[in-house]
Amino acid sequence: THLNENTLRNYYCSICGSHSLVCDTDLFKLQQRNTDKSYAMPEATVMTKSYCVAGGKICLKRPKGIEVQYRMNCKDCSAIIGYRPVAKDRTSPYTYYFPDSLVAEQSEAVGMQKTVEAHAGQDL
């Protein structure tokens, strides 16, 4: 029997290193919006589990009108990770993740690099 297994990818807050997203696609290979270069994650076709918390609703003035964003923040440091065009309880074609808000390796997060530097040279 052949099992069709998808690779699950983990992403971490680029500031503190908190586990923020699991999905079955490479976030950094998704299409990016022209307006803010955010990665567009199609909700209907990509399996995701977000560990972000609600960050509030904001309205932005764009050339074609007002854009509403329901922000998603890191659960630990409150850094802005991404947004949806509608509230979490409504269906949306995409969830958007800001460039540089997530990293694929926890050690790439700014907060983790400081931890590594602090222990550099110490006998562990």
Foldseek 3Di string as FASTA:
>chain_A
DDDDDADKFWKAFQAALHTFKIKRDDQVPAAADPPQRWGWDFPVPMDMDGPWDWDAWDWDQDPVGIQIWGWTAHPPPRHTFWTFSDDPVDDGRTTTGHPSRIDRDSCNRPNNVVVVVVCPPPDD
